[in-house]
C-alpha atoms as a PDB file:
ATOM      1  CA  MET A   1     -23.700  -8.841  -4.006  1.00  0.00           C
ATOM      2  CA  GLN A   2     -21.241  -9.390  -6.825  1.00  0.00           C
ATOM      3  CA  PRO A   3     -17.573  -8.689  -6.295  1.00  0.00           C
ATOM      4  CA  ARG A   4     -16.468  -5.275  -7.437  1.00  0.00           C
ATOM      5  CA  ASN A   5     -13.604  -5.053  -9.863  1.00  0.00           C
ATOM      6  CA  MET A   6     -10.271  -4.760  -8.156  1.00  0.00           C
ATOM      7  CA  SER A   7      -9.154  -1.176  -7.849  1.00  0.00           C
ATOM      8  CA  MET A   8      -6.866   0.942  -5.753  1.00  0.00           C
ATOM      9  CA  SER A   9      -9.601   3.331  -4.633  1.00  0.00           C
ATOM     10  CA  GLY A  10      -9.592   4.234  -0.961  1.00  0.00           C
ATOM     11  CA  VAL A  11      -7.528   6.003   1.619  1.00  0.00           C
ATOM     12  CA  VAL A  12      -3.794   6.375   1.134  1.00  0.00           C
ATOM     13  CA  ASP A  13      -2.287   5.681   4.528  1.00  0.00           C
ATOM     14  CA  LEU A  14       1.149   7.298   4.299  1.00  0.00           C
ATOM     15  CA  ALA A  15       2.387   5.436   7.352  1.00  0.00           C
ATOM     16  CA  ALA A  16       1.279   2.142   5.837  1.00  0.00           C
ATOM     17  CA  VAL A  17       2.928   2.930   2.539  1.00  0.00           C
ATOM     18  CA  LYS A  18       6.125   3.826   4.354  1.00  0.00           C
ATOM     19  CA  ALA A  19       6.046   0.623   6.406  1.00  0.00           C
ATOM     20  CA  ALA A  20       5.316  -1.472   3.345  1.00  0.00           C
ATOM     21  CA  GLN A  21       8.182   0.070   1.424  1.00  0.00           C
ATOM     22  CA  GLU A  22      10.522  -0.659   4.322  1.00  0.00           C
ATOM     23  CA  ALA A  23       9.249  -4.221   4.478  1.00  0.00           C
ATOM     24  CA  LYS A  24       9.657  -4.670   0.747  1.00  0.00           C
ATOM     25  CA  ALA A  25      13.230  -3.416   0.841  1.00  0.00           C
ATOM     26  CA  LYS A  26      14.074  -5.764   3.711  1.00  0.00           C
ATOM     27  CA  ALA A  27      12.428  -8.695   1.940  1.00  0.00           C
ATOM     28  CA  GLU A  28      14.429  -8.007  -1.197  1.00  0.00           C
ATOM     29  CA  GLN A  29      17.590  -7.775   0.905  1.00  0.00           C
ATOM     30  CA  ALA A  30      16.785 -11.092   2.569  1.00  0.00           C
ATOM     31  CA  ARG A  31      16.183 -12.756  -0.803  1.00  0.00           C
ATOM     32  CA  ALA A  32      19.480 -11.437  -2.116  1.00  0.00           C
ATOM     33  CA  GLU A  33      21.310 -12.682   0.974  1.00  0.00           C
ATOM     34  CA  ALA A  34      19.690 -16.108   0.632  1.00  0.00           C
ATOM     35  CA  ALA A  35      20.762 -16.265  -3.005  1.00  0.00           C
ATOM     36  CA  ARG A  36      24.365 -15.345  -2.091  1.00  0.00           C
ATOM     37  CA  GLN A  37      24.412 -18.127   0.466  1.00  0.00           C
ATOM     38  CA  GLY A  38      22.944 -20.613  -1.974  1.00  0.00           C
ATOM     39  CA  GLY A  39      19.587 -20.718  -0.248  1.00  0.00           C
ATOM     40  CA  GLY A  40      17.662 -20.510  -3.514  1.00  0.00           C
ATOM     41  CA  ALA A  41      14.068 -19.906  -2.477  1.00  0.00           C
ATOM     42  CA  ALA A  42      12.874 -16.578  -1.165  1.00  0.00           C
ATOM     43  CA  GLY A  43      11.857 -18.032   2.159  1.00  0.00           C
ATOM     44  CA  ALA A  44      11.358 -21.228   4.129  1.00  0.00           C
ATOM     45  CA  ALA A  45       8.404 -23.480   3.416  1.00  0.00           C
ATOM     46  CA  VAL A  46       5.239 -22.891   5.423  1.00  0.00           C
ATOM     47  CA  SER A  47       2.709 -25.366   6.728  1.00  0.00           C
ATOM     48  CA  PRO A  48      -0.829 -25.596   5.262  1.00  0.00           C
ATOM     49  CA  SER A  49      -2.349 -24.370   8.529  1.00  0.00           C
ATOM     50  CA  SER A  50      -0.351 -21.128   8.364  1.00  0.00           C
ATOM     51  CA  LEU A  51      -2.142 -20.080   5.150  1.00  0.00           C
ATOM     52  CA  VAL A  52      -5.013 -18.771   7.301  1.00  0.00           C
ATOM     53  CA  ILE A  53      -4.111 -16.404  10.139  1.00  0.00           C
ATOM     54  CA  ASP A  54      -5.940 -14.223  12.646  1.00  0.00           C
ATOM     55  CA  VAL A  55      -4.661 -10.645  12.587  1.00  0.00           C
ATOM     56  CA  ASP A  56      -5.107  -7.762  15.031  1.00  0.00           C
ATOM     57  CA  GLU A  57      -4.006  -4.132  14.985  1.00  0.00           C
ATOM     58  CA  ALA A  58      -0.754  -4.844  16.788  1.00  0.00           C
ATOM     59  CA  GLY A  59       0.346  -7.476  14.298  1.00  0.00           C
ATOM     60  CA  PHE A  60      -0.992  -5.872  11.129  1.00  0.00           C
ATOM     61  CA  GLU A  61       2.320  -4.424   9.932  1.00  0.00           C
ATOM     62  CA  ARG A  62       4.254  -7.632  10.509  1.00  0.00           C
ATOM     63  CA  GLU A  63       1.633 -10.158   9.422  1.00  0.00           C
ATOM     64  CA  VAL A  64      -0.009  -8.279   6.556  1.00  0.00           C
ATOM     65  CA  LEU A  65       2.160  -5.439   5.253  1.00  0.00           C
ATOM     66  CA  GLN A  66       5.435  -7.325   5.468  1.00  0.00           C
ATOM     67  CA  ARG A  67       3.993 -10.614   4.209  1.00  0.00           C
ATOM     68  CA  SER A  68       2.412  -8.771   1.263  1.00  0.00           C
ATOM     69  CA  THR A  69       5.918  -8.297  -0.172  1.00  0.00           C
ATOM     70  CA  GLU A  70       6.071 -12.101  -0.554  1.00  0.00           C
ATOM     71  CA  VAL A  71       2.499 -13.095  -1.383  1.00  0.00           C
ATOM     72  CA  PRO A  72      -0.887 -11.364  -1.920  1.00  0.00           C
ATOM     73  CA  VAL A  73      -2.687 -11.148   1.429  1.00  0.00           C
ATOM     74  CA  VAL A  74      -6.485 -11.387   1.335  1.00  0.00           C
ATOM     75  CA  ILE A  75      -8.154  -9.788   4.360  1.00  0.00           C
ATOM     76  CA  ASP A  76     -11.549 -11.068   5.547  1.00  0.00           C
ATOM     77  CA  PHE A  77     -13.234  -8.495   7.802  1.00  0.00           C
ATOM     78  CA  TRP A  78     -15.822 -10.381   9.854  1.00  0.00           C
ATOM     79  CA  ALA A  79     -17.670 -10.518  13.176  1.00  0.00           C
ATOM     80  CA  GLU A  80     -19.182 -13.317  15.239  1.00  0.00           C
ATOM     81  CA  TRP A  81     -22.712 -11.872  14.958  1.00  0.00           C
ATOM     82  CA  CYS A  82     -22.552 -11.541  11.155  1.00  0.00           C
ATOM     83  CA  GLU A  83     -24.500 -14.352   9.467  1.00  0.00           C
ATOM     84  CA  PRO A  84     -23.097 -13.790   5.915  1.00  0.00           C
ATOM     85  CA  CYS A  85     -19.614 -13.901   7.475  1.00  0.00           C
ATOM     86  CA  LYS A  86     -20.333 -17.454   8.616  1.00  0.00           C
ATOM     87  CA  GLN A  87     -20.945 -18.425   4.984  1.00  0.00           C
ATOM     88  CA  LEU A  88     -18.045 -16.526   3.430  1.00  0.00           C
ATOM     89  CA  GLY A  89     -15.347 -17.244   6.038  1.00  0.00           C
ATOM     90  CA  PRO A  90     -15.205 -21.052   5.654  1.00  0.00           C
ATOM     91  CA  LEU A  91     -15.283 -20.692   1.855  1.00  0.00           C
ATOM     92  CA  LEU A  92     -12.283 -18.357   1.875  1.00  0.00           C
ATOM     93  CA  GLU A  93     -10.434 -20.661   4.261  1.00  0.00           C
ATOM     94  CA  ARG A  94     -11.070 -23.631   1.980  1.00  0.00           C
ATOM     95  CA  LEU A  95      -9.881 -21.671  -1.058  1.00  0.00           C
ATOM     96  CA  ALA A  96      -6.735 -20.574   0.789  1.00  0.00           C
ATOM     97  CA  GLN A  97      -5.868 -24.234   1.285  1.00  0.00           C
ATOM     98  CA  GLU A  98      -6.792 -25.140  -2.276  1.00  0.00           C
ATOM     99  CA  TYR A  99      -4.716 -22.326  -3.796  1.00  0.00           C
ATOM    100  CA  ASN A 100      -1.797 -23.768  -1.809  1.00  0.00           C
ATOM    101  CA  GLY A 101       0.236 -20.635  -1.056  1.00  0.00           C
ATOM    102  CA  ARG A 102      -0.801 -18.453  -3.987  1.00  0.00           C
ATOM    103  CA  PHE A 103      -2.394 -16.118  -1.429  1.00  0.00           C
ATOM    104  CA  LEU A 104      -2.483 -15.770   2.354  1.00  0.00           C
ATOM    105  CA  LEU A 105      -5.804 -15.294   4.157  1.00  0.00           C
ATOM    106  CA  ALA A 106      -5.822 -12.867   7.103  1.00  0.00           C
ATOM    107  CA  LYS A 107      -8.986 -12.755   9.223  1.00  0.00           C
ATOM    108  CA  VAL A 108      -9.796  -9.550  11.117  1.00  0.00           C
ATOM    109  CA  ASP A 109     -12.516  -9.472  13.786  1.00  0.00           C
ATOM    110  CA  VAL A 110     -13.929  -5.958  13.381  1.00  0.00           C
ATOM    111  CA  ASP A 111     -15.386  -5.870  16.893  1.00  0.00           C
ATOM    112  CA  ALA A 112     -11.893  -6.259  18.346  1.00  0.00           C
ATOM    113  CA  ASN A 113     -10.115  -4.128  15.730  1.00  0.00           C
ATOM    114  CA  GLN A 114     -12.205  -1.015  15.153  1.00  0.00           C
ATOM    115  CA  MET A 115      -9.211   1.059  14.056  1.00  0.00           C
ATOM    116  CA  LEU A 116      -8.437  -1.265  11.153  1.00  0.00           C
ATOM    117  CA  MET A 117     -12.070  -1.180  10.119  1.00  0.00           C
ATOM    118  CA  GLN A 118     -11.963   2.630  10.051  1.00  0.00           C
ATOM    119  CA  GLN A 119      -8.643   2.780   8.214  1.00  0.00           C
ATOM    120  CA  PHE A 120     -10.035   0.622   5.410  1.00  0.00           C
ATOM    121  CA  GLY A 121     -13.256   2.660   5.290  1.00  0.00           C
ATOM    122  CA  ILE A 122     -15.474  -0.378   5.788  1.00  0.00           C
ATOM    123  CA  GLN A 123     -19.197   0.355   5.948  1.00  0.00           C
ATOM    124  CA  GLY A 124     -20.505  -3.209   6.181  1.00  0.00           C
ATOM    125  CA  ILE A 125     -19.322  -6.790   6.605  1.00  0.00           C
ATOM    126  CA  PRO A 126     -18.259  -9.218   5.394  1.00  0.00           C
ATOM    127  CA  ALA A 127     -15.811  -7.098   3.447  1.00  0.00           C
ATOM    128  CA  VAL A 128     -12.813  -8.509   1.621  1.00  0.00           C
ATOM    129  CA  PHE A 129      -9.687  -6.556   0.742  1.00  0.00           C
ATOM    130  CA  ALA A 130      -6.245  -7.527  -0.476  1.00  0.00           C
ATOM    131  CA  VAL A 131      -2.830  -6.069   0.200  1.00  0.00           C
ATOM    132  CA  VAL A 132      -0.198  -6.532  -2.509  1.00  0.00           C
ATOM    133  CA  ALA A 133       3.301  -5.145  -1.948  1.00  0.00           C
ATOM    134  CA  GLY A 134       1.863  -2.886   0.747  1.00  0.00           C
ATOM    135  CA  GLN A 135      -0.934  -1.547  -1.440  1.00  0.00           C
ATOM    136  CA  ALA A 136      -4.605  -2.057  -0.521  1.00  0.00           C
ATOM    137  CA  LEU A 137      -7.141  -3.268  -3.070  1.00  0.00           C
ATOM    138  CA  PRO A 138     -10.862  -3.549  -2.258  1.00  0.00           C
ATOM    139  CA  LEU A 139     -12.110  -6.858  -3.670  1.00  0.00           C
ATOM    140  CA  PHE A 140     -15.781  -7.328  -2.783  1.00  0.00           C
ATOM    141  CA  GLN A 141     -18.386  -6.996  -0.063  1.00  0.00           C
ATOM    142  CA  GLY A 142     -20.928  -9.604   0.960  1.00  0.00           C
ATOM    143  CA  ALA A 143     -21.119 -13.380   0.600  1.00  0.00           C
ATOM    144  CA  ALA A 144     -20.443 -13.585  -3.138  1.00  0.00           C
ATOM    145  CA  PRO A 145     -20.810 -16.771  -5.227  1.00  0.00           C
ATOM    146  CA  GLU A 146     -17.792 -19.061  -5.215  1.00  0.00           C
ATOM    147  CA  ALA A 147     -17.223 -18.826  -8.976  1.00  0.00           C
ATOM    148  CA  GLN A 148     -16.945 -15.041  -8.808  1.00  0.00           C
ATOM    149  CA  ILE A 149     -14.665 -15.207  -5.781  1.00  0.00           C
ATOM    150  CA  ARG A 150     -12.384 -17.591  -7.658  1.00  0.00           C
ATOM    151  CA  GLN A 151     -12.301 -15.226 -10.624  1.00  0.00           C
ATOM    152  CA  THR A 152     -11.379 -12.311  -8.351  1.00  0.00           C
ATOM    153  CA  LEU A 153      -8.652 -14.344  -6.643  1.00  0.00           C
ATOM    154  CA  ASP A 154      -7.227 -15.370 -10.008  1.00  0.00           C
ATOM    155  CA  GLN A 155      -7.083 -11.698 -11.055  1.00  0.00           C
ATOM    156  CA  LEU A 156      -5.407 -10.792  -7.771  1.00  0.00           C
ATOM    157  CA  ILE A 157      -2.761 -13.480  -8.150  1.00  0.00           C
ATOM    158  CA  GLN A 158      -2.122 -12.363 -11.732  1.00  0.00           C
ATOM    159  CA  VAL A 159      -1.626  -8.754 -10.587  1.00  0.00           C
ATOM    160  CA  GLY A 160       0.760  -9.921  -7.876  1.00  0.00           C
ATOM    161  CA  GLU A 161       2.836 -11.945 -10.319  1.00  0.00           C
ATOM    162  CA  GLU A 162       2.909  -9.545 -13.279  1.00  0.00           C
ATOM    163  CA  ARG A 163       3.308  -6.218 -11.474  1.00  0.00           C
ATOM    164  CA  PHE A 164       5.196  -7.163  -8.333  1.00  0.00           C
ATOM    165  CA  GLY A 165       6.833 -10.509  -9.041  1.00  0.00           C
ATOM    166  CA  LEU A 166       5.030 -12.257  -6.177  1.00  0.00           C
ATOM    167  CA  THR A 167       5.092 -15.978  -6.860  1.00  0.00           C
ATOM    168  CA  GLY A 168       3.518 -17.091  -3.587  1.00  0.00           C
ATOM    169  CA  LEU A 169       4.606 -19.256  -0.695  1.00  0.00           C
ATOM    170  CA  THR A 170       6.088 -22.738  -0.742  1.00  0.00           C
ATOM    171  CA  VAL A 171       3.784 -25.041   1.218  1.00  0.00           C
ATOM    172  CA  ASP A 172       5.149 -28.183   2.834  1.00  0.00           C
ATOM    173  CA  PRO A 173       2.931 -30.389   5.035  1.00  0.00           C
ATOM    174  CA  ALA A 174       6.098 -31.569   6.770  1.00  0.00           C
ATOM    175  CA  ALA A 175       6.629 -28.008   8.044  1.00  0.00           C
ATOM    176  CA  GLU A 176       3.602 -28.336  10.339  1.00  0.00           C
ATOM    177  CA  GLY A 177       4.680 -27.515  13.878  1.00  0.00           C
ATOM    178  CA  GLN A 178       8.180 -26.478  12.850  1.00  0.00           C
ATOM    179  CA  GLU A 179       7.517 -22.756  12.305  1.00  0.00           C
ATOM    180  CA  SER A 180       7.982 -21.501  15.832  1.00  0.00           C
ATOM    181  CA  ALA A 181      11.684 -20.913  15.334  1.00  0.00           C
ATOM    182  CA  ALA A 182      12.312 -17.332  14.335  1.00  0.00           C
ATOM    183  CA  ALA A 183      13.753 -16.736  10.888  1.00  0.00           C
ATOM    184  CA  PRO A 184      17.146 -15.065  10.885  1.00  0.00           C
ATOM    185  CA  GLU A 185      16.971 -11.329  10.312  1.00  0.00           C
ATOM    186  CA  ALA A 186      18.521  -9.841   7.216  1.00  0.00           C
ATOM    187  CA  PRO A 187      21.806  -8.102   7.860  1.00  0.00           C
ATOM    188  CA  PRO A 188      21.480  -4.328   8.255  1.00  0.00           C
ATOM    189  CA  GLY A 189      21.910  -2.276   5.112  1.00  0.00           C
ATOM    190  CA  PRO A 190      24.412   0.561   4.778  1.00  0.00           C
ATOM    191  CA  TYR A 191      21.729   3.245   5.230  1.00  0.00           C
ATOM    192  CA  ASP A 192      19.540   1.570   7.865  1.00  0.00           C
ATOM    193  CA  ALA A 193      20.659   3.948  10.635  1.00  0.00           C
ATOM    194  CA  LEU A 194      19.919   7.047   8.553  1.00  0.00           C
ATOM    195  CA  LEU A 195      16.573   5.681   7.407  1.00  0.00           C
ATOM    196  CA  GLU A 196      15.650   4.784  10.974  1.00  0.00           C
ATOM    197  CA  ALA A 197      16.557   8.317  12.044  1.00  0.00           C
ATOM    198  CA  ALA A 198      14.203   9.649   9.372  1.00  0.00           C
ATOM    199  CA  VAL A 199      11.377   7.400  10.562  1.00  0.00           C
ATOM    200  CA  GLN A 200      11.911   8.490  14.167  1.00  0.00           C
ATOM    201  CA  ALA A 201      11.857  12.141  13.087  1.00  0.00           C
ATOM    202  CA  LEU A 202       8.563  11.549  11.261  1.00  0.00           C
ATOM    203  CA  ASP A 203       7.063   9.835  14.303  1.00  0.00           C
ATOM    204  CA  ALA A 204       8.169  12.781  16.472  1.00  0.00           C
ATOM    205  CA  GLY A 205       6.652  15.310  14.067  1.00  0.00           C
ATOM    206  CA  ASP A 206      10.063  16.677  13.106  1.00  0.00           C
ATOM    207  CA  LEU A 207       9.332  16.912   9.399  1.00  0.00           C
ATOM    208  CA  ALA A 208      12.346  19.093   8.617  1.00  0.00           C
ATOM    209  CA  GLY A 209      14.597  16.565  10.311  1.00  0.00           C
ATOM    210  CA  ALA A 210      13.029  13.719   8.374  1.00  0.00           C
ATOM    211  CA  VAL A 211      13.458  15.580   5.084  1.00  0.00           C
ATOM    212  CA  GLN A 212      17.142  16.179   5.827  1.00  0.00           C
ATOM    213  CA  ALA A 213      17.735  12.569   6.875  1.00  0.00           C
ATOM    214  CA  TYR A 214      16.245  11.254   3.639  1.00  0.00           C
ATOM    215  CA  LYS A 215      18.273  13.766   1.641  1.00  0.00           C
ATOM    216  CA  ASN A 216      21.413  12.538   3.395  1.00  0.00           C
ATOM    217  CA  VAL A 217      20.737   9.027   2.116  1.00  0.00           C
ATOM    218  CA  LEU A 218      19.947  10.215  -1.401  1.00  0.00           C
ATOM    219  CA  SER A 219      23.109  12.301  -1.585  1.00  0.00           C
ATOM    220  CA  ASP A 220      25.102   9.041  -1.471  1.00  0.00           C
ATOM    221  CA  ASP A 221      22.534   6.734  -3.078  1.00  0.00           C
ATOM    222  CA  PRO A 222      20.246   8.696  -5.452  1.00  0.00           C
ATOM    223  CA  ALA A 223      18.368   5.542  -6.476  1.00  0.00           C
ATOM    224  CA  ASN A 224      17.434   4.478  -2.933  1.00  0.00           C
ATOM    225  CA  THR A 225      13.725   3.658  -3.296  1.00  0.00           C
ATOM    226  CA  GLU A 226      12.882   3.868   0.386  1.00  0.00           C
ATOM    227  CA  ALA A 227      14.546   7.254   0.788  1.00  0.00           C
ATOM    228  CA  LYS A 228      12.872   8.644  -2.345  1.00  0.00           C
ATOM    229  CA  LEU A 229       9.448   7.575  -1.123  1.00  0.00           C
ATOM    230  CA  GLY A 230      10.113   8.801   2.414  1.00  0.00           C
ATOM    231  CA  LEU A 231      11.327  12.175   1.165  1.00  0.00           C
ATOM    232  CA  ALA A 232       8.248  12.628  -1.011  1.00  0.00           C
ATOM    233  CA  GLN A 233       5.985  11.820   1.954  1.00  0.00           C
ATOM    234  CA  ALA A 234       7.857  14.032   4.412  1.00  0.00           C
ATOM    235  CA  GLU A 235       7.895  16.986   2.018  1.00  0.00           C
ATOM    236  CA  LEU A 236       4.167  16.571   1.392  1.00  0.00           C
ATOM    237  CA  LEU A 237       3.391  16.543   5.113  1.00  0.00           C
ATOM    238  CA  GLU A 238       5.683  19.530   5.622  1.00  0.00           C
ATOM    239  CA  ARG A 239       3.816  21.494   2.942  1.00  0.00           C
ATOM    240  CA  VAL A 240       0.368  20.899   4.418  1.00  0.00           C
ATOM    241  CA  GLN A 241       1.088  21.095   8.148  1.00  0.00           C
ATOM    242  CA  ASN A 242       0.320  24.824   8.454  1.00  0.00           C
ATOM    243  CA  LEU A 243      -2.413  25.074   5.839  1.00  0.00           C
ATOM    244  CA  ASP A 244      -5.988  26.012   6.690  1.00  0.00           C
ATOM    245  CA  PRO A 245      -7.945  23.347   4.767  1.00  0.00           C
ATOM    246  CA  GLN A 246     -11.143  25.377   4.616  1.00  0.00           C
ATOM    247  CA  GLN A 247      -9.358  28.445   3.275  1.00  0.00           C
ATOM    248  CA  VAL A 248      -7.306  26.428   0.783  1.00  0.00           C
ATOM    249  CA  ARG A 249     -10.378  24.730  -0.640  1.00  0.00           C
ATOM    250  CA  LYS A 250     -12.277  28.016  -0.846  1.00  0.00           C
ATOM    251  CA  GLU A 251      -9.440  29.645  -2.773  1.00  0.00           C
ATOM    252  CA  ALA A 252      -9.194  26.666  -5.112  1.00  0.00           C
ATOM    253  CA  ALA A 253     -12.935  26.844  -5.808  1.00  0.00           C
ATOM    254  CA  ASP A 254     -12.948  30.635  -6.230  1.00  0.00           C
ATOM    255  CA  LYS A 255      -9.782  30.778  -8.348  1.00  0.00           C
ATOM    256  CA  PRO A 256      -9.700  27.823 -10.745  1.00  0.00           C
ATOM    257  CA  ALA A 257      -6.956  29.541 -12.780  1.00  0.00           C
ATOM    258  CA  ASP A 258      -4.697  30.052  -9.744  1.00  0.00           C
ATOM    259  CA  VAL A 259      -2.061  27.345 -10.070  1.00  0.00           C
ATOM    260  CA  SER A 260      -0.745  27.753  -6.527  1.00  0.00           C
ATOM    261  CA  ALA A 261      -4.251  27.382  -5.114  1.00  0.00           C
ATOM    262  CA  GLN A 262      -4.864  24.210  -7.114  1.00  0.00           C
ATOM    263  CA  ILE A 263      -1.507  22.733  -6.082  1.00  0.00           C
ATOM    264  CA  ALA A 264      -2.191  23.378  -2.393  1.00  0.00           C
ATOM    265  CA  ALA A 265      -5.654  21.818  -2.701  1.00  0.00           C
ATOM    266  CA  ALA A 266      -4.189  18.783  -4.452  1.00  0.00           C
ATOM    267  CA  ASP A 267      -1.731  18.297  -1.587  1.00  0.00           C
ATOM    268  CA  LEU A 268      -4.617  18.327   0.872  1.00  0.00           C
ATOM    269  CA  ASP A 269      -6.615  15.959  -1.334  1.00  0.00           C
ATOM    270  CA  LEU A 270      -3.805  13.412  -1.284  1.00  0.00           C
ATOM    271  CA  VAL A 271      -3.153  13.622   2.454  1.00  0.00           C
ATOM    272  CA  GLY A 272      -6.901  13.163   2.988  1.00  0.00           C
ATOM    273  CA  GLY A 273      -6.893  10.002   0.879  1.00  0.00           C
ATOM    274  CA  HIS A 274      -8.640  11.515  -2.165  1.00  0.00           C
ATOM    275  CA  VAL A 275      -6.051  10.283  -4.631  1.00  0.00           C
ATOM    276  CA  GLU A 276      -8.071  10.519  -7.825  1.00  0.00           C
ATOM    277  CA  ASP A 277      -9.234  14.022  -6.875  1.00  0.00           C
ATOM    278  CA  ALA A 278      -5.648  15.184  -6.338  1.00  0.00           C
ATOM    279  CA  PHE A 279      -4.434  13.743  -9.635  1.00  0.00           C
ATOM    280  CA  GLY A 280      -7.490  14.938 -11.577  1.00  0.00           C
ATOM    281  CA  ARG A 281      -7.197  18.452 -10.188  1.00  0.00           C
ATOM    282  CA  LEU A 282      -3.591  18.797 -11.327  1.00  0.00           C
ATOM    283  CA  ILE A 283      -4.204  17.210 -14.726  1.00  0.00           C
ATOM    284  CA  ASP A 284      -7.007  19.718 -15.288  1.00  0.00           C
ATOM    285  CA  THR A 285      -4.661  22.493 -14.196  1.00  0.00           C
ATOM    286  CA  VAL A 286      -2.034  21.336 -16.684  1.00  0.00           C
ATOM    287  CA  ARG A 287      -4.703  21.284 -19.375  1.00  0.00           C
ATOM    288  CA  ARG A 288      -5.809  24.869 -18.655  1.00  0.00           C
ATOM    289  CA  THR A 289      -2.376  26.462 -18.305  1.00  0.00           C
ATOM    290  CA  ALA A 290       0.810  27.077 -20.271  1.00  0.00           C
ATOM    291  CA  GLY A 291       4.450  27.968 -19.721  1.00  0.00           C
ATOM    292  CA  ASP A 292       5.760  28.145 -16.174  1.00  0.00           C
ATOM    293  CA  ASP A 293       2.316  27.629 -14.633  1.00  0.00           C
ATOM    294  CA  ARG A 294       1.818  24.412 -16.570  1.00  0.00           C
ATOM    295  CA  ASP A 295       5.254  23.200 -15.578  1.00  0.00           C
ATOM    296  CA  LYS A 296       4.623  23.930 -11.868  1.00  0.00           C
ATOM    297  CA  ALA A 297       1.442  21.841 -11.933  1.00  0.00           C
ATOM    298  CA  ARG A 298       3.133  19.041 -13.885  1.00  0.00           C
ATOM    299  CA  VAL A 299       6.099  18.854 -11.508  1.00  0.00           C
ATOM    300  CA  ARG A 300       3.850  18.726  -8.436  1.00  0.00           C
ATOM    301  CA  LEU A 301       1.787  15.964 -10.046  1.00  0.00           C
ATOM    302  CA  LEU A 302       4.944  13.921 -10.622  1.00  0.00           C
ATOM    303  CA  GLU A 303       5.913  14.466  -6.978  1.00  0.00           C
ATOM    304  CA  LEU A 304       2.528  13.153  -5.845  1.00  0.00           C
ATOM    305  CA  PHE A 305       2.989  10.131  -8.109  1.00  0.00           C
ATOM    306  CA  GLU A 306       6.145   9.394  -6.079  1.00  0.00           C
ATOM    307  CA  VAL A 307       4.160   9.500  -2.832  1.00  0.00           C
ATOM    308  CA  VAL A 308       1.594   6.964  -4.016  1.00  0.00           C
ATOM    309  CA  GLY A 309       4.014   4.726  -5.929  1.00  0.00           C
ATOM    310  CA  GLY A 310       4.680   4.141  -9.587  1.00  0.00           C
ATOM    311  CA  ASP A 311       3.027   0.685  -9.635  1.00  0.00           C
ATOM    312  CA  ASP A 312      -0.294   2.004  -8.312  1.00  0.00           C
ATOM    313  CA  PRO A 313      -2.972   1.673 -11.040  1.00  0.00           C
ATOM    314  CA  ARG A 314      -4.197   5.184 -10.249  1.00  0.00           C
ATOM    315  CA  VAL A 315      -0.728   6.522 -10.993  1.00  0.00           C
ATOM    316  CA  ILE A 316      -0.507   4.508 -14.199  1.00  0.00           C
ATOM    317  CA  ALA A 317      -3.890   5.796 -15.382  1.00  0.00           C
ATOM    318  CA  SER A 318      -3.027   9.378 -14.451  1.00  0.00           C
ATOM    319  CA  ARG A 319       0.303   9.216 -16.263  1.00  0.00           C
ATOM    320  CA  THR A 320      -1.611   8.233 -19.386  1.00  0.00           C
ATOM    321  CA  ALA A 321      -4.078  11.081 -18.866  1.00  0.00           C
ATOM    322  CA  LEU A 322      -1.216  13.513 -18.337  1.00  0.00           C
ATOM    323  CA  ALA A 323       0.469  12.365 -21.545  1.00  0.00           C
ATOM    324  CA  ARG A 324      -2.769  13.026 -23.480  1.00  0.00           C
ATOM    325  CA  VAL A 325      -2.885  16.556 -22.095  1.00  0.00           C
ATOM    326  CA  LEU A 326       0.755  17.293 -22.808  1.00  0.00           C
ATOM    327  CA  PHE A 327       0.983  15.718 -26.239  1.00  0.00           C
END
């Protein structure tokens, strides 16, 4: 099977997006602190053997989401009984060494990590995904030819560099065996306590509390990226928590001209991971309406863009589609 073109199609895991955004902010803070102290590079050199890692559900946030703010992480979903996996796995491991830090290879045993398999919507293995700055990209499924895998990896690295500024890891053979020492943590930021309170409120299901905590941060720091993303997520979850999905979808189908019905259905689409459906529904609503109704649909679409993230290709494409409708 040939590799599919890289895309951002798939489930939007709001918790993963939130964790990735937190990781990205901390990584940026660490880089800034290193620069102030004259450290230069973004992080310490890694050994060649650390370019291929085994990942489980417990370590996914730390070893994949957080690392994806430094380097594209390629995920190989495999199993011991899978014959094509035995062909693809060694090839990917060899390429990880050859690319010398341009990407990190994370291997996930699906038999031991069923939840990760479900979260990525995997129907068969081997399946290969990437995570770049916390965002998941399906790459290909099956034991593809090496030339096509190289082409896909080159595209992935280019996306990481051009859109997210990820220049990869510094690899030093002399670092072998010296990586057990824990790296110093970045100093806490001025809003870490408030942001942590918001996260705890989200985890406890206190959506109103989370919304207020994020607003408290934004009142002092309106450009705080983490708070803006968290607020958009919390407000979305707050809007849908008491909706009857079946009733909402029926009303949206029965009343295509009802802007409120379409907006509610779009919220449900996004929470359910149907990103393109949510965006397309609201773009169509903008196209069919005028005045205040058009503006309501447009504003909600922009809010949903905030939830997914401005660098997401689906957001970029939908912004272009929205501009065509408006102008």
